N, C-alpha and C. Protein backbone atom coordinates (compact mmCIF):
# COMPACT_ATOMS: atom_id res chain seq x y z
N MET A 1 -1.24 -15.83 -14.89
CA MET A 1 -1.46 -15.50 -16.28
C MET A 1 -2.41 -14.31 -16.43
N ALA A 2 -3.36 -14.15 -15.51
CA ALA A 2 -4.33 -13.08 -15.64
C ALA A 2 -3.97 -11.93 -14.73
N SER A 3 -4.36 -10.75 -15.17
CA SER A 3 -4.11 -9.58 -14.35
C SER A 3 -5.23 -9.41 -13.34
N ALA A 4 -5.08 -8.45 -12.45
CA ALA A 4 -6.08 -8.22 -11.42
C ALA A 4 -7.40 -7.78 -12.03
N SER A 5 -7.37 -7.17 -13.21
CA SER A 5 -8.60 -6.71 -13.86
C SER A 5 -9.37 -7.85 -14.52
N GLY A 6 -8.78 -9.02 -14.60
CA GLY A 6 -9.48 -10.17 -15.18
C GLY A 6 -9.14 -10.42 -16.63
N TYR A 7 -8.28 -9.61 -17.22
CA TYR A 7 -7.89 -9.80 -18.61
C TYR A 7 -6.59 -10.59 -18.70
N LEU A 8 -6.44 -11.29 -19.80
CA LEU A 8 -5.21 -12.05 -20.02
C LEU A 8 -4.13 -11.13 -20.56
N PRO A 9 -2.86 -11.43 -20.28
CA PRO A 9 -1.79 -10.59 -20.81
C PRO A 9 -1.72 -10.72 -22.33
N THR A 10 -1.12 -9.73 -22.97
CA THR A 10 -1.05 -9.75 -24.44
C THR A 10 -0.02 -10.74 -24.95
N SER A 11 0.98 -11.08 -24.15
CA SER A 11 1.99 -12.04 -24.61
C SER A 11 1.78 -13.37 -23.88
N LEU A 12 1.46 -14.37 -24.65
CA LEU A 12 1.24 -15.71 -24.12
C LEU A 12 2.34 -16.63 -24.64
N LEU A 13 2.64 -17.66 -23.89
CA LEU A 13 3.65 -18.63 -24.29
C LEU A 13 3.20 -19.34 -25.56
N VAL A 14 4.06 -19.38 -26.56
CA VAL A 14 3.75 -20.04 -27.83
C VAL A 14 4.31 -21.45 -27.80
N LEU A 15 3.48 -22.41 -28.20
CA LEU A 15 3.87 -23.82 -28.25
C LEU A 15 4.92 -24.04 -29.33
N THR A 16 5.98 -24.75 -28.95
CA THR A 16 7.00 -25.18 -29.91
C THR A 16 7.22 -26.68 -29.71
N ASN A 17 8.12 -27.24 -30.48
CA ASN A 17 8.41 -28.67 -30.34
C ASN A 17 9.11 -29.00 -29.03
N LYS A 18 9.67 -28.00 -28.35
CA LYS A 18 10.48 -28.26 -27.17
C LYS A 18 9.82 -27.87 -25.85
N ASN A 19 8.67 -27.21 -25.86
CA ASN A 19 8.12 -26.71 -24.61
C ASN A 19 6.69 -27.18 -24.33
N TYR A 20 6.31 -28.33 -24.84
CA TYR A 20 4.92 -28.79 -24.71
C TYR A 20 4.47 -28.87 -23.25
N ASP A 21 5.27 -29.48 -22.38
CA ASP A 21 4.85 -29.64 -20.98
C ASP A 21 4.65 -28.29 -20.30
N ARG A 22 5.57 -27.37 -20.51
CA ARG A 22 5.44 -26.04 -19.91
C ARG A 22 4.23 -25.32 -20.49
N TRP A 23 4.06 -25.39 -21.81
CA TRP A 23 2.93 -24.76 -22.48
C TRP A 23 1.62 -25.30 -21.93
N CYS A 24 1.57 -26.63 -21.77
CA CYS A 24 0.37 -27.29 -21.22
C CYS A 24 0.03 -26.74 -19.84
N ALA A 25 1.03 -26.60 -19.00
CA ALA A 25 0.79 -26.09 -17.65
C ALA A 25 0.24 -24.67 -17.71
N HIS A 26 0.78 -23.84 -18.58
CA HIS A 26 0.29 -22.47 -18.72
C HIS A 26 -1.16 -22.44 -19.22
N ILE A 27 -1.43 -23.20 -20.24
CA ILE A 27 -2.77 -23.19 -20.83
C ILE A 27 -3.79 -23.77 -19.86
N ARG A 28 -3.44 -24.79 -19.09
CA ARG A 28 -4.37 -25.34 -18.10
C ARG A 28 -4.77 -24.29 -17.07
N VAL A 29 -3.81 -23.46 -16.67
CA VAL A 29 -4.12 -22.38 -15.72
C VAL A 29 -5.09 -21.39 -16.37
N ILE A 30 -4.86 -21.07 -17.62
CA ILE A 30 -5.78 -20.17 -18.33
C ILE A 30 -7.17 -20.79 -18.39
N PHE A 31 -7.24 -22.09 -18.68
CA PHE A 31 -8.54 -22.76 -18.73
C PHE A 31 -9.24 -22.73 -17.38
N GLN A 32 -8.47 -22.89 -16.31
CA GLN A 32 -9.07 -22.80 -14.97
C GLN A 32 -9.58 -21.38 -14.72
N PHE A 33 -8.79 -20.39 -15.10
CA PHE A 33 -9.18 -19.00 -14.94
C PHE A 33 -10.45 -18.69 -15.74
N GLN A 34 -10.53 -19.22 -16.93
CA GLN A 34 -11.68 -19.00 -17.79
C GLN A 34 -12.86 -19.92 -17.44
N GLU A 35 -12.65 -20.83 -16.50
CA GLU A 35 -13.66 -21.78 -16.05
C GLU A 35 -14.19 -22.66 -17.19
N VAL A 36 -13.26 -23.19 -17.98
CA VAL A 36 -13.63 -24.06 -19.10
C VAL A 36 -12.96 -25.42 -19.04
N THR A 37 -12.36 -25.76 -17.91
CA THR A 37 -11.65 -27.03 -17.80
C THR A 37 -12.56 -28.20 -18.16
N LYS A 38 -13.80 -28.15 -17.71
CA LYS A 38 -14.76 -29.23 -18.00
C LYS A 38 -15.07 -29.30 -19.50
N ILE A 39 -15.18 -28.15 -20.15
CA ILE A 39 -15.45 -28.13 -21.59
C ILE A 39 -14.27 -28.72 -22.35
N VAL A 40 -13.05 -28.41 -21.93
CA VAL A 40 -11.87 -28.94 -22.61
C VAL A 40 -11.80 -30.45 -22.41
N ARG A 41 -12.11 -30.91 -21.19
CA ARG A 41 -12.03 -32.33 -20.88
C ARG A 41 -13.15 -33.13 -21.53
N ASP A 42 -14.41 -32.65 -21.40
CA ASP A 42 -15.57 -33.43 -21.84
C ASP A 42 -16.14 -32.99 -23.18
N GLY A 43 -15.77 -31.83 -23.64
CA GLY A 43 -16.33 -31.31 -24.88
C GLY A 43 -17.56 -30.47 -24.62
N LEU A 44 -18.02 -29.81 -25.65
CA LEU A 44 -19.19 -28.95 -25.57
C LEU A 44 -20.43 -29.81 -25.72
N GLN A 45 -21.29 -29.79 -24.72
CA GLN A 45 -22.50 -30.61 -24.73
C GLN A 45 -23.59 -29.93 -25.55
N GLU A 46 -24.27 -30.70 -26.38
CA GLU A 46 -25.36 -30.16 -27.18
C GLU A 46 -26.60 -29.97 -26.32
N VAL A 47 -27.39 -28.99 -26.67
CA VAL A 47 -28.63 -28.71 -25.95
C VAL A 47 -29.77 -29.47 -26.62
N GLU A 48 -30.65 -30.05 -25.81
CA GLU A 48 -31.78 -30.79 -26.36
C GLU A 48 -32.83 -29.83 -26.90
N LYS A 49 -33.68 -30.30 -27.81
CA LYS A 49 -34.67 -29.45 -28.46
C LYS A 49 -35.68 -28.88 -27.46
N ASN A 50 -36.08 -29.65 -26.47
CA ASN A 50 -37.10 -29.22 -25.52
C ASN A 50 -36.47 -28.65 -24.24
N SER A 51 -35.40 -27.92 -24.38
CA SER A 51 -34.70 -27.40 -23.21
C SER A 51 -35.36 -26.13 -22.69
N PHE A 52 -35.14 -25.87 -21.41
CA PHE A 52 -35.64 -24.66 -20.78
C PHE A 52 -34.73 -23.49 -21.14
N ASP A 53 -35.23 -22.29 -20.93
CA ASP A 53 -34.46 -21.08 -21.24
C ASP A 53 -33.14 -21.05 -20.48
N ALA A 54 -33.15 -21.49 -19.22
CA ALA A 54 -31.93 -21.49 -18.42
C ALA A 54 -30.88 -22.43 -19.02
N GLN A 55 -31.30 -23.60 -19.51
CA GLN A 55 -30.38 -24.54 -20.13
C GLN A 55 -29.81 -23.96 -21.43
N ILE A 56 -30.66 -23.29 -22.18
CA ILE A 56 -30.20 -22.67 -23.43
C ILE A 56 -29.20 -21.56 -23.13
N ALA A 57 -29.47 -20.77 -22.11
CA ALA A 57 -28.56 -19.68 -21.72
C ALA A 57 -27.23 -20.26 -21.25
N THR A 58 -27.28 -21.34 -20.47
CA THR A 58 -26.05 -21.99 -20.00
C THR A 58 -25.24 -22.52 -21.17
N HIS A 59 -25.92 -23.13 -22.13
CA HIS A 59 -25.25 -23.65 -23.32
C HIS A 59 -24.64 -22.51 -24.14
N HIS A 60 -25.38 -21.41 -24.27
CA HIS A 60 -24.87 -20.26 -25.02
C HIS A 60 -23.61 -19.72 -24.35
N ASP A 61 -23.59 -19.66 -23.01
CA ASP A 61 -22.42 -19.20 -22.26
C ASP A 61 -21.24 -20.16 -22.49
N ALA A 62 -21.52 -21.46 -22.48
CA ALA A 62 -20.46 -22.45 -22.71
C ALA A 62 -19.88 -22.31 -24.12
N GLU A 63 -20.75 -22.07 -25.11
CA GLU A 63 -20.28 -21.87 -26.48
C GLU A 63 -19.38 -20.63 -26.58
N LYS A 64 -19.77 -19.59 -25.87
CA LYS A 64 -19.00 -18.35 -25.85
C LYS A 64 -17.62 -18.57 -25.25
N ARG A 65 -17.57 -19.27 -24.10
CA ARG A 65 -16.29 -19.56 -23.45
C ARG A 65 -15.45 -20.49 -24.33
N ASN A 66 -16.08 -21.44 -25.00
CA ASN A 66 -15.38 -22.33 -25.92
C ASN A 66 -14.70 -21.52 -27.01
N GLY A 67 -15.41 -20.57 -27.59
CA GLY A 67 -14.85 -19.73 -28.64
C GLY A 67 -13.68 -18.89 -28.14
N LYS A 68 -13.81 -18.34 -26.94
CA LYS A 68 -12.72 -17.53 -26.36
C LYS A 68 -11.47 -18.37 -26.17
N ASP A 69 -11.64 -19.57 -25.67
CA ASP A 69 -10.46 -20.39 -25.39
C ASP A 69 -9.88 -21.02 -26.64
N LEU A 70 -10.71 -21.25 -27.64
CA LEU A 70 -10.19 -21.70 -28.94
C LEU A 70 -9.33 -20.57 -29.53
N PHE A 71 -9.79 -19.35 -29.37
CA PHE A 71 -9.01 -18.19 -29.80
C PHE A 71 -7.68 -18.12 -29.07
N ILE A 72 -7.69 -18.36 -27.76
CA ILE A 72 -6.46 -18.32 -26.97
C ILE A 72 -5.48 -19.38 -27.47
N ILE A 73 -5.98 -20.58 -27.73
CA ILE A 73 -5.10 -21.64 -28.25
C ILE A 73 -4.52 -21.22 -29.60
N HIS A 74 -5.35 -20.63 -30.45
CA HIS A 74 -4.85 -20.16 -31.75
C HIS A 74 -3.72 -19.16 -31.58
N GLN A 75 -3.80 -18.32 -30.55
CA GLN A 75 -2.77 -17.32 -30.30
C GLN A 75 -1.49 -17.93 -29.73
N CYS A 76 -1.59 -19.13 -29.18
CA CYS A 76 -0.47 -19.73 -28.45
C CYS A 76 0.20 -20.87 -29.20
N VAL A 77 0.00 -20.95 -30.48
CA VAL A 77 0.65 -22.02 -31.26
C VAL A 77 1.38 -21.40 -32.44
N ASP A 78 2.39 -22.12 -32.92
CA ASP A 78 3.10 -21.64 -34.10
C ASP A 78 2.33 -22.02 -35.36
N THR A 79 2.86 -21.64 -36.50
CA THR A 79 2.16 -21.84 -37.77
C THR A 79 1.87 -23.31 -38.05
N ASN A 80 2.83 -24.19 -37.78
CA ASN A 80 2.63 -25.62 -38.05
C ASN A 80 1.51 -26.20 -37.20
N ASP A 81 1.48 -25.85 -35.91
CA ASP A 81 0.42 -26.36 -35.04
C ASP A 81 -0.93 -25.72 -35.38
N PHE A 82 -0.90 -24.47 -35.80
CA PHE A 82 -2.15 -23.81 -36.20
C PHE A 82 -2.80 -24.55 -37.37
N LYS A 83 -1.97 -24.99 -38.30
CA LYS A 83 -2.50 -25.74 -39.45
C LYS A 83 -3.18 -27.04 -39.00
N LYS A 84 -2.70 -27.62 -37.90
CA LYS A 84 -3.28 -28.87 -37.39
C LYS A 84 -4.64 -28.65 -36.74
N ILE A 85 -4.85 -27.47 -36.17
CA ILE A 85 -6.07 -27.24 -35.39
C ILE A 85 -7.03 -26.25 -36.02
N VAL A 86 -6.69 -25.70 -37.17
CA VAL A 86 -7.51 -24.64 -37.77
C VAL A 86 -8.95 -25.10 -38.04
N SER A 87 -9.14 -26.37 -38.32
CA SER A 87 -10.50 -26.86 -38.60
C SER A 87 -11.25 -27.33 -37.35
N SER A 88 -10.63 -27.22 -36.20
CA SER A 88 -11.28 -27.63 -34.95
C SER A 88 -12.38 -26.63 -34.60
N ASN A 89 -13.56 -27.16 -34.28
CA ASN A 89 -14.69 -26.29 -33.92
C ASN A 89 -14.80 -26.08 -32.42
N THR A 90 -14.16 -26.93 -31.65
CA THR A 90 -14.23 -26.79 -30.20
C THR A 90 -12.83 -26.79 -29.63
N VAL A 91 -12.71 -26.22 -28.44
CA VAL A 91 -11.42 -26.19 -27.76
C VAL A 91 -10.97 -27.61 -27.43
N LYS A 92 -11.92 -28.51 -27.18
CA LYS A 92 -11.57 -29.91 -26.90
C LYS A 92 -10.92 -30.56 -28.11
N GLU A 93 -11.48 -30.34 -29.29
CA GLU A 93 -10.89 -30.91 -30.51
C GLU A 93 -9.46 -30.40 -30.70
N ALA A 94 -9.27 -29.10 -30.54
CA ALA A 94 -7.94 -28.51 -30.70
C ALA A 94 -6.98 -29.07 -29.67
N TRP A 95 -7.43 -29.15 -28.42
CA TRP A 95 -6.58 -29.66 -27.33
C TRP A 95 -6.18 -31.11 -27.62
N ASP A 96 -7.15 -31.93 -28.00
CA ASP A 96 -6.86 -33.34 -28.27
C ASP A 96 -5.87 -33.49 -29.44
N THR A 97 -6.03 -32.67 -30.46
CA THR A 97 -5.12 -32.71 -31.61
C THR A 97 -3.70 -32.36 -31.19
N LEU A 98 -3.57 -31.30 -30.41
CA LEU A 98 -2.23 -30.89 -29.95
C LEU A 98 -1.63 -31.91 -29.00
N GLU A 99 -2.48 -32.50 -28.17
CA GLU A 99 -1.99 -33.52 -27.25
C GLU A 99 -1.46 -34.74 -28.00
N LYS A 100 -2.16 -35.13 -29.07
CA LYS A 100 -1.68 -36.25 -29.89
C LYS A 100 -0.37 -35.90 -30.59
N ALA A 101 -0.28 -34.67 -31.07
CA ALA A 101 0.91 -34.26 -31.82
C ALA A 101 2.13 -34.09 -30.92
N HIS A 102 1.93 -33.58 -29.70
CA HIS A 102 3.08 -33.27 -28.84
C HIS A 102 3.17 -34.15 -27.61
N GLY A 103 2.04 -34.40 -26.99
CA GLY A 103 2.05 -35.14 -25.74
C GLY A 103 2.14 -36.63 -25.93
N GLY A 104 1.90 -37.09 -27.12
CA GLY A 104 1.92 -38.51 -27.38
C GLY A 104 3.30 -39.11 -27.52
N ALA A 105 4.30 -38.32 -27.28
CA ALA A 105 5.67 -38.79 -27.41
C ALA A 105 6.07 -39.53 -26.14
N ASP A 106 5.42 -40.66 -25.90
CA ASP A 106 5.67 -41.43 -24.68
C ASP A 106 7.11 -41.92 -24.57
N LYS A 107 7.68 -42.33 -25.68
CA LYS A 107 9.06 -42.81 -25.65
C LYS A 107 10.01 -41.69 -25.23
N LEU A 108 9.77 -40.49 -25.74
CA LEU A 108 10.59 -39.36 -25.37
C LEU A 108 10.44 -39.05 -23.89
N LYS A 109 9.22 -39.11 -23.37
CA LYS A 109 8.99 -38.87 -21.95
C LYS A 109 9.69 -39.92 -21.10
N LYS A 110 9.68 -41.16 -21.55
CA LYS A 110 10.35 -42.22 -20.80
C LYS A 110 11.86 -41.99 -20.75
N VAL A 111 12.43 -41.59 -21.87
CA VAL A 111 13.86 -41.31 -21.91
C VAL A 111 14.18 -40.11 -21.02
N THR A 112 13.37 -39.07 -21.11
CA THR A 112 13.57 -37.89 -20.27
C THR A 112 13.47 -38.26 -18.80
N LEU A 113 12.49 -39.08 -18.46
CA LEU A 113 12.32 -39.50 -17.07
C LEU A 113 13.51 -40.34 -16.61
N TYR A 114 14.02 -41.19 -17.48
CA TYR A 114 15.21 -41.98 -17.14
C TYR A 114 16.39 -41.07 -16.84
N ILE A 115 16.59 -40.05 -17.68
CA ILE A 115 17.70 -39.11 -17.48
C ILE A 115 17.53 -38.35 -16.17
N LEU A 116 16.31 -37.91 -15.89
CA LEU A 116 16.05 -37.18 -14.65
C LEU A 116 16.25 -38.07 -13.42
N ARG A 117 15.82 -39.32 -13.50
CA ARG A 117 16.05 -40.25 -12.38
C ARG A 117 17.54 -40.42 -12.14
N ARG A 118 18.29 -40.53 -13.20
CA ARG A 118 19.74 -40.70 -13.08
C ARG A 118 20.38 -39.45 -12.45
N GLN A 119 19.93 -38.26 -12.91
CA GLN A 119 20.44 -37.03 -12.31
C GLN A 119 20.10 -36.97 -10.83
N TYR A 120 18.89 -37.39 -10.48
CA TYR A 120 18.45 -37.39 -9.09
C TYR A 120 19.33 -38.33 -8.25
N GLU A 121 19.57 -39.53 -8.79
CA GLU A 121 20.38 -40.51 -8.06
C GLU A 121 21.82 -40.03 -7.86
N LEU A 122 22.38 -39.37 -8.85
CA LEU A 122 23.79 -38.96 -8.79
C LEU A 122 24.00 -37.61 -8.12
N LEU A 123 22.95 -36.88 -7.86
CA LEU A 123 23.09 -35.54 -7.30
C LEU A 123 23.69 -35.58 -5.91
N GLN A 124 24.74 -34.80 -5.72
CA GLN A 124 25.43 -34.66 -4.44
C GLN A 124 25.65 -33.18 -4.20
N MET A 125 25.71 -32.81 -2.94
CA MET A 125 26.02 -31.42 -2.60
C MET A 125 27.51 -31.19 -2.78
N ASN A 126 27.88 -30.11 -3.46
CA ASN A 126 29.28 -29.77 -3.68
C ASN A 126 29.84 -29.01 -2.49
N LYS A 127 31.14 -29.12 -2.29
CA LYS A 127 31.79 -28.36 -1.22
C LYS A 127 31.61 -26.88 -1.49
N GLY A 128 31.28 -26.14 -0.45
CA GLY A 128 31.10 -24.71 -0.58
C GLY A 128 29.73 -24.29 -1.09
N GLU A 129 28.92 -25.24 -1.51
CA GLU A 129 27.58 -24.93 -2.02
C GLU A 129 26.63 -24.71 -0.83
N SER A 130 25.77 -23.73 -0.94
CA SER A 130 24.82 -23.49 0.16
C SER A 130 23.72 -24.55 0.12
N VAL A 131 23.16 -24.79 1.28
CA VAL A 131 22.07 -25.77 1.38
C VAL A 131 20.89 -25.32 0.53
N ALA A 132 20.59 -24.04 0.58
CA ALA A 132 19.46 -23.52 -0.19
C ALA A 132 19.65 -23.76 -1.69
N LYS A 133 20.86 -23.52 -2.19
CA LYS A 133 21.13 -23.73 -3.61
C LYS A 133 21.03 -25.22 -3.96
N TYR A 134 21.55 -26.07 -3.09
CA TYR A 134 21.47 -27.51 -3.33
C TYR A 134 20.02 -28.00 -3.34
N VAL A 135 19.25 -27.56 -2.35
CA VAL A 135 17.84 -27.97 -2.28
C VAL A 135 17.09 -27.47 -3.52
N THR A 136 17.42 -26.27 -3.99
CA THR A 136 16.79 -25.74 -5.21
C THR A 136 17.09 -26.63 -6.41
N LYS A 137 18.35 -27.07 -6.55
CA LYS A 137 18.71 -27.98 -7.65
C LYS A 137 17.92 -29.28 -7.55
N LEU A 138 17.83 -29.81 -6.34
CA LEU A 138 17.11 -31.06 -6.12
C LEU A 138 15.62 -30.90 -6.45
N LEU A 139 15.03 -29.83 -5.97
CA LEU A 139 13.60 -29.60 -6.23
C LEU A 139 13.32 -29.34 -7.70
N THR A 140 14.27 -28.72 -8.40
CA THR A 140 14.11 -28.51 -9.84
C THR A 140 14.03 -29.85 -10.56
N ILE A 141 14.91 -30.77 -10.20
CA ILE A 141 14.88 -32.10 -10.83
C ILE A 141 13.59 -32.84 -10.48
N THR A 142 13.19 -32.81 -9.21
CA THR A 142 11.98 -33.54 -8.81
C THR A 142 10.73 -32.93 -9.45
N ASN A 143 10.71 -31.61 -9.63
CA ASN A 143 9.57 -30.99 -10.32
C ASN A 143 9.52 -31.39 -11.78
N GLN A 144 10.68 -31.49 -12.42
CA GLN A 144 10.73 -31.96 -13.80
C GLN A 144 10.25 -33.41 -13.89
N MET A 145 10.60 -34.21 -12.88
CA MET A 145 10.15 -35.60 -12.85
C MET A 145 8.62 -35.65 -12.73
N LYS A 146 8.06 -34.75 -11.93
CA LYS A 146 6.60 -34.70 -11.78
C LYS A 146 5.91 -34.37 -13.09
N THR A 147 6.50 -33.48 -13.89
CA THR A 147 5.89 -33.16 -15.18
C THR A 147 5.95 -34.34 -16.14
N ASN A 148 6.81 -35.29 -15.85
CA ASN A 148 6.90 -36.52 -16.65
C ASN A 148 6.28 -37.70 -15.91
N VAL A 149 5.31 -37.42 -15.07
CA VAL A 149 4.48 -38.39 -14.36
C VAL A 149 5.28 -39.28 -13.40
N GLU A 150 6.20 -38.70 -12.70
CA GLU A 150 6.94 -39.42 -11.66
C GLU A 150 6.70 -38.68 -10.35
N GLN A 151 6.08 -39.33 -9.41
CA GLN A 151 5.78 -38.70 -8.13
C GLN A 151 6.77 -39.18 -7.07
N LEU A 152 7.42 -38.24 -6.42
CA LEU A 152 8.33 -38.56 -5.33
C LEU A 152 7.72 -38.03 -4.04
N ALA A 153 7.69 -38.86 -3.03
CA ALA A 153 7.15 -38.43 -1.75
C ALA A 153 8.11 -37.44 -1.11
N THR A 154 7.56 -36.52 -0.34
CA THR A 154 8.38 -35.52 0.34
C THR A 154 9.43 -36.19 1.21
N LEU A 155 9.05 -37.29 1.84
CA LEU A 155 9.99 -38.02 2.69
C LEU A 155 11.22 -38.48 1.89
N MET A 156 11.00 -38.95 0.67
CA MET A 156 12.12 -39.39 -0.17
C MET A 156 13.06 -38.23 -0.48
N ILE A 157 12.49 -37.06 -0.71
CA ILE A 157 13.31 -35.88 -1.01
C ILE A 157 14.10 -35.47 0.22
N VAL A 158 13.45 -35.49 1.37
CA VAL A 158 14.13 -35.15 2.62
C VAL A 158 15.27 -36.14 2.87
N GLU A 159 15.01 -37.42 2.68
CA GLU A 159 16.05 -38.43 2.87
C GLU A 159 17.22 -38.19 1.91
N LYS A 160 16.91 -37.82 0.67
CA LYS A 160 17.96 -37.54 -0.31
C LYS A 160 18.82 -36.38 0.17
N VAL A 161 18.19 -35.33 0.67
CA VAL A 161 18.95 -34.19 1.18
C VAL A 161 19.82 -34.61 2.35
N MET A 162 19.24 -35.34 3.27
CA MET A 162 19.98 -35.77 4.47
C MET A 162 21.19 -36.64 4.11
N LYS A 163 21.02 -37.52 3.13
CA LYS A 163 22.10 -38.44 2.75
C LYS A 163 23.22 -37.75 1.97
N THR A 164 22.90 -36.67 1.27
CA THR A 164 23.87 -36.12 0.33
C THR A 164 24.48 -34.79 0.74
N LEU A 165 24.19 -34.33 1.94
CA LEU A 165 24.81 -33.09 2.40
C LEU A 165 26.29 -33.31 2.67
N THR A 166 27.06 -32.26 2.53
CA THR A 166 28.49 -32.38 2.80
C THR A 166 28.70 -32.60 4.30
N SER A 167 29.76 -33.31 4.61
CA SER A 167 30.01 -33.66 6.01
C SER A 167 30.57 -32.49 6.83
N THR A 168 30.94 -31.40 6.18
CA THR A 168 31.51 -30.26 6.91
C THR A 168 30.46 -29.43 7.62
N LEU A 169 29.21 -29.68 7.33
CA LEU A 169 28.13 -28.93 7.96
C LEU A 169 27.34 -29.84 8.88
N ASP A 170 26.93 -29.32 9.99
CA ASP A 170 26.05 -30.05 10.91
C ASP A 170 24.66 -29.46 10.71
N HIS A 171 23.77 -30.23 10.12
CA HIS A 171 22.46 -29.71 9.72
C HIS A 171 21.35 -30.28 10.57
N ILE A 172 20.42 -29.43 10.81
CA ILE A 172 19.17 -29.88 11.42
C ILE A 172 18.10 -29.61 10.38
N MET A 173 17.47 -30.66 9.88
CA MET A 173 16.44 -30.54 8.86
C MET A 173 15.08 -30.76 9.50
N VAL A 174 14.14 -29.92 9.18
CA VAL A 174 12.79 -30.05 9.69
C VAL A 174 11.87 -30.15 8.49
N ALA A 175 11.14 -31.23 8.39
CA ALA A 175 10.17 -31.39 7.31
C ALA A 175 8.79 -31.17 7.89
N ASN A 176 8.01 -30.34 7.22
CA ASN A 176 6.63 -30.12 7.63
C ASN A 176 5.76 -30.06 6.39
N LYS A 177 4.48 -29.74 6.57
CA LYS A 177 3.56 -29.73 5.44
C LYS A 177 3.93 -28.67 4.41
N LYS A 178 4.62 -27.63 4.82
CA LYS A 178 4.98 -26.55 3.90
C LYS A 178 6.25 -26.87 3.12
N GLY A 179 6.98 -27.88 3.50
CA GLY A 179 8.19 -28.24 2.78
C GLY A 179 9.35 -28.48 3.70
N ILE A 180 10.56 -28.27 3.19
CA ILE A 180 11.79 -28.54 3.92
C ILE A 180 12.36 -27.21 4.41
N GLN A 181 12.70 -27.14 5.68
CA GLN A 181 13.36 -25.97 6.23
C GLN A 181 14.74 -26.40 6.70
N CYS A 182 15.72 -25.59 6.43
CA CYS A 182 17.10 -25.94 6.76
C CYS A 182 17.62 -24.98 7.81
N TYR A 183 18.27 -25.53 8.81
CA TYR A 183 18.96 -24.73 9.81
C TYR A 183 20.41 -25.17 9.79
N ASN A 184 21.31 -24.26 9.49
CA ASN A 184 22.73 -24.59 9.33
C ASN A 184 23.52 -24.10 10.54
N PHE A 185 24.35 -24.98 11.06
CA PHE A 185 25.26 -24.62 12.12
C PHE A 185 26.65 -25.06 11.67
N GLN A 186 27.52 -24.11 11.42
CA GLN A 186 28.87 -24.44 10.98
C GLN A 186 29.66 -24.98 12.16
N LYS A 187 30.52 -25.96 11.93
CA LYS A 187 31.37 -26.53 12.98
C LYS A 187 32.51 -25.61 13.30
């Protein structure tokens, strides 16, 4: 999301009713880049009256980063969502409001996860399809499942590939920490 100079690009993904999970992933990366993940998660901590100069400076810096990221969220939402968060004073308040409005659709996530599980179970390699293309389709589904809080072990994915390859190819599959590597030997 950020350029080498440290600035954010001028075009950011705008939240809609259909892209909440993707938008969330993008914004979380921005929060990590801006080093405000803790502020978003825990909120902006108030400074005590008898604080030292260093604590006051740290709080002032946190307030500044909070304002920057609240601005970023304002830039990344449509008019309807902006109306929901316009009165938020902290990035945490805005984030929580958007999460309730979009992320709280647990029933929708369950249905989506059910559909993805079904696609995963029924997925088979087609005749003439390359192994790389098939593995890409499989990984696309498993990554979508992960965004809906379904974790599949790498071993399960490897087993799925091994079970569903076409019989016309003799494959040697090697699974390692970096992922799945395919070596194809045509008969």
